[in-house]
Amino acid sequence: MFKKILIANRGEIACRVMATARKMGIQTVAVYSEADKEARHVAMADEAVCIGPASSRESYLVADKIIAAAKETGAEAIHPGYGFLSENADFSKRCEESGIVFIGPKHHSIAAMGDKIASKKLAEKAGVNCIPGVNDAIETPEKAVEIAKGIGYPVMIKASAGGGGKG
């Protein structure tokens, strides 16, 4: 069990992770942008580290700052919450390489599941029942209509790399 974890997120998810950690006797570290310094998750945490300006591109999405905050505070693990870096295979790998546990899937699992086509092929290979669809990119609108007619309506078209708010 960990003695201290860093939550690399803000808002409700960070608060929920902190509440659970507290029940488990685990100390928490919040990270926050300058705009979030008065946020509830910062007040709830045992420690808090400012990781940059308001823009998430300059704070919550900067792996180096989050890993540095974990090292600075002695956090043994990082919980990504959801969004931000939670689906980033490189972040998971960099945590591992830094000797910090990433509370989530290993980097190779995140990479394998990040592409809907590749992940569906992997699931089918493992014998998982999947919904009807195609396992390749659809190049033209005409091809999409042809496939949809074959499957039957309604259909949903998703970007192969969708996820994390994309597609």
Protein backbone atom coordinates (compact mmCIF):
# COMPACT_ATOMS: atom_id res chain seq x y z
CA MET A 1 0.00 0.00 0.00
CA PHE A 2 1.16 3.52 -0.71
CA LYS A 3 1.83 6.08 2.01
CA LYS A 4 1.40 9.07 -0.31
CA ILE A 5 -0.06 9.57 -3.78
CA LEU A 6 -0.24 12.53 -6.12
CA ILE A 7 -3.51 13.17 -7.94
CA ALA A 8 -2.73 14.61 -11.38
CA ASN A 9 -6.15 16.17 -11.89
CA ARG A 10 -8.57 18.72 -10.48
CA GLY A 11 -12.23 19.09 -9.64
CA GLU A 12 -14.64 16.35 -8.63
CA ILE A 13 -12.45 13.41 -9.69
CA ALA A 14 -9.50 14.70 -7.64
CA CYS A 15 -11.79 15.18 -4.62
CA ARG A 16 -13.20 11.66 -4.93
CA VAL A 17 -9.73 10.11 -5.19
CA MET A 18 -8.59 12.12 -2.17
CA ALA A 19 -11.61 11.10 -0.10
CA THR A 20 -10.98 7.44 -0.88
CA ALA A 21 -7.26 7.78 -0.16
CA ARG A 22 -8.04 9.41 3.18
CA LYS A 23 -10.32 6.48 4.12
CA MET A 24 -7.42 4.16 3.28
CA GLY A 25 -4.95 6.15 5.38
CA ILE A 26 -3.02 7.41 2.35
CA GLN A 27 -1.71 10.99 2.25
CA THR A 28 -2.53 13.03 -0.85
CA VAL A 29 -0.77 15.61 -2.97
CA ALA A 30 -2.76 17.93 -5.20
CA VAL A 31 -1.37 19.67 -8.23
CA TYR A 32 -2.98 22.88 -9.38
CA SER A 33 -2.68 25.67 -11.91
CA GLU A 34 -2.50 29.28 -10.80
CA ALA A 35 -6.21 29.61 -11.62
CA ASP A 36 -7.09 26.68 -9.33
CA LYS A 37 -5.16 27.74 -6.21
CA GLU A 38 -8.41 28.21 -4.23
CA ALA A 39 -10.06 25.06 -5.60
CA ARG A 40 -11.63 22.45 -3.34
CA HIS A 41 -9.18 19.70 -4.32
CA VAL A 42 -6.26 21.90 -3.24
CA ALA A 43 -7.85 22.52 0.17
CA MET A 44 -8.63 18.81 0.64
CA ALA A 45 -5.09 17.59 -0.05
CA ASP A 46 -2.44 17.06 2.58
CA GLU A 47 0.02 18.90 0.31
CA ALA A 48 -0.34 20.93 -2.87
CA VAL A 49 2.08 21.97 -5.61
CA CYS A 50 1.48 24.69 -8.20
CA ILE A 51 2.40 23.34 -11.62
CA GLY A 52 1.95 26.42 -13.77
CA PRO A 53 -0.36 28.96 -15.36
CA ALA A 54 -4.10 28.56 -15.93
CA SER A 55 -3.79 26.93 -19.35
CA SER A 56 -3.92 23.15 -19.00
CA ARG A 57 -1.36 22.95 -21.83
CA GLU A 58 1.06 24.68 -19.46
CA SER A 59 0.07 22.82 -16.29
CA TYR A 60 -2.07 19.68 -16.10
CA LEU A 61 -0.82 18.35 -19.44
CA VAL A 62 2.90 18.83 -18.70
CA ALA A 63 4.19 15.43 -17.60
CA ASP A 64 7.56 16.80 -16.45
CA LYS A 65 5.90 19.17 -13.97
CA ILE A 66 3.66 16.45 -12.54
CA ILE A 67 6.48 13.92 -12.18
CA ALA A 68 8.68 16.61 -10.59
CA ALA A 69 5.90 17.41 -8.11
CA ALA A 70 5.63 13.73 -7.18
CA LYS A 71 9.38 13.50 -6.61
CA GLU A 72 9.48 16.79 -4.68
CA THR A 73 6.77 15.62 -2.27
CA GLY A 74 7.83 12.00 -1.98
CA ALA A 75 4.67 10.65 -3.58
CA GLU A 76 5.11 6.98 -4.44
CA ALA A 77 2.37 6.90 -7.06
CA ILE A 78 0.37 9.12 -9.39
CA HIS A 79 -3.38 8.75 -9.90
CA PRO A 80 -4.28 10.45 -13.20
CA GLY A 81 -8.03 10.77 -12.60
CA TYR A 82 -9.67 10.96 -16.01
CA GLY A 83 -8.96 13.13 -19.03
CA PHE A 84 -5.69 15.08 -19.10
CA LEU A 85 -2.89 12.45 -19.00
CA SER A 86 -4.98 9.43 -17.97
CA GLU A 87 -4.96 7.93 -21.49
CA ASN A 88 -1.41 8.98 -22.34
CA ALA A 89 0.83 5.93 -22.79
CA ASP A 90 3.98 8.06 -22.73
CA PHE A 91 3.03 9.55 -19.34
CA SER A 92 2.43 6.08 -17.89
CA LYS A 93 5.79 4.93 -19.24
CA ARG A 94 7.61 8.01 -17.92
CA CYS A 95 6.15 7.44 -14.46
CA GLU A 96 7.41 3.85 -14.54
CA GLU A 97 10.86 4.99 -15.73
CA SER A 98 10.96 7.57 -12.91
CA GLY A 99 10.28 4.93 -10.28
CA ILE A 100 6.78 6.26 -9.62
CA VAL A 101 3.80 3.92 -9.85
CA PHE A 102 1.14 4.97 -12.37
CA ILE A 103 -2.23 4.04 -10.86
CA GLY A 104 -3.80 2.74 -14.03
CA PRO A 105 -2.93 0.54 -16.98
CA LYS A 106 0.64 -0.11 -18.06
CA HIS A 107 1.81 2.03 -20.97
CA HIS A 108 1.60 -0.84 -23.47
CA SER A 109 -2.05 -1.45 -22.55
CA ILE A 110 -2.92 2.23 -22.97
CA ALA A 111 -1.20 2.24 -26.37
CA ALA A 112 -3.00 -0.92 -27.47
CA MET A 113 -6.41 0.44 -26.46
CA GLY A 114 -5.86 3.97 -27.78
CA ASP A 115 -6.65 3.00 -31.37
CA LYS A 116 -10.21 1.70 -31.78
CA ILE A 117 -9.35 -0.43 -34.82
CA ALA A 118 -6.31 -2.05 -33.19
CA SER A 119 -8.13 -2.56 -29.89
CA LYS A 120 -11.12 -4.20 -31.58
CA LYS A 121 -8.81 -6.57 -33.47
CA LEU A 122 -7.05 -7.40 -30.20
CA ALA A 123 -10.37 -8.02 -28.44
CA GLU A 124 -11.63 -10.28 -31.24
CA LYS A 125 -8.36 -12.21 -31.18
CA ALA A 126 -8.87 -12.74 -27.44
CA GLY A 127 -12.37 -14.09 -28.06
CA VAL A 128 -14.28 -11.06 -26.79
CA ASN A 129 -17.69 -10.55 -28.41
CA CYS A 130 -17.67 -7.27 -30.31
CA ILE A 131 -20.41 -5.26 -31.96
CA PRO A 132 -20.65 -5.48 -35.76
CA GLY A 133 -18.40 -3.10 -37.64
CA VAL A 134 -15.28 -2.87 -39.72
CA ASN A 135 -11.71 -3.30 -38.59
CA ASP A 136 -10.15 -0.93 -41.09
CA ALA A 137 -10.32 2.77 -41.85
CA ILE A 138 -13.24 3.78 -44.07
CA GLU A 139 -11.80 5.91 -46.85
CA THR A 140 -14.89 7.43 -48.52
CA PRO A 141 -18.43 8.46 -47.61
CA GLU A 142 -19.74 6.05 -50.23
CA LYS A 143 -17.92 3.16 -48.55
CA ALA A 144 -19.36 4.23 -45.19
CA VAL A 145 -22.90 4.13 -46.60
CA GLU A 146 -22.29 0.71 -48.16
CA ILE A 147 -20.99 -0.69 -44.86
CA ALA A 148 -23.86 0.90 -42.89
CA LYS A 149 -26.43 -0.71 -45.18
CA GLY A 150 -24.74 -4.07 -44.63
CA ILE A 151 -24.73 -3.70 -40.83
CA GLY A 152 -28.17 -2.13 -40.59
CA TYR A 153 -29.22 1.17 -39.10
CA PRO A 154 -28.69 2.86 -36.73
CA VAL A 155 -24.91 3.02 -36.96
CA MET A 156 -22.26 5.06 -35.21
CA ILE A 157 -19.11 6.30 -36.90
CA LYS A 158 -16.15 6.93 -34.61
CA ALA A 159 -12.63 8.17 -35.20
CA SER A 160 -10.14 5.33 -34.78
CA ALA A 161 -8.02 7.44 -32.43
CA GLY A 162 -11.02 8.94 -30.64
CA GLY A 163 -11.18 9.01 -26.88
CA GLY A 164 -10.24 11.52 -24.23
CA GLY A 165 -12.92 13.80 -25.66
CA LYS A 166 -12.04 13.19 -29.31
CA GLY A 167 -14.25 11.33 -31.79
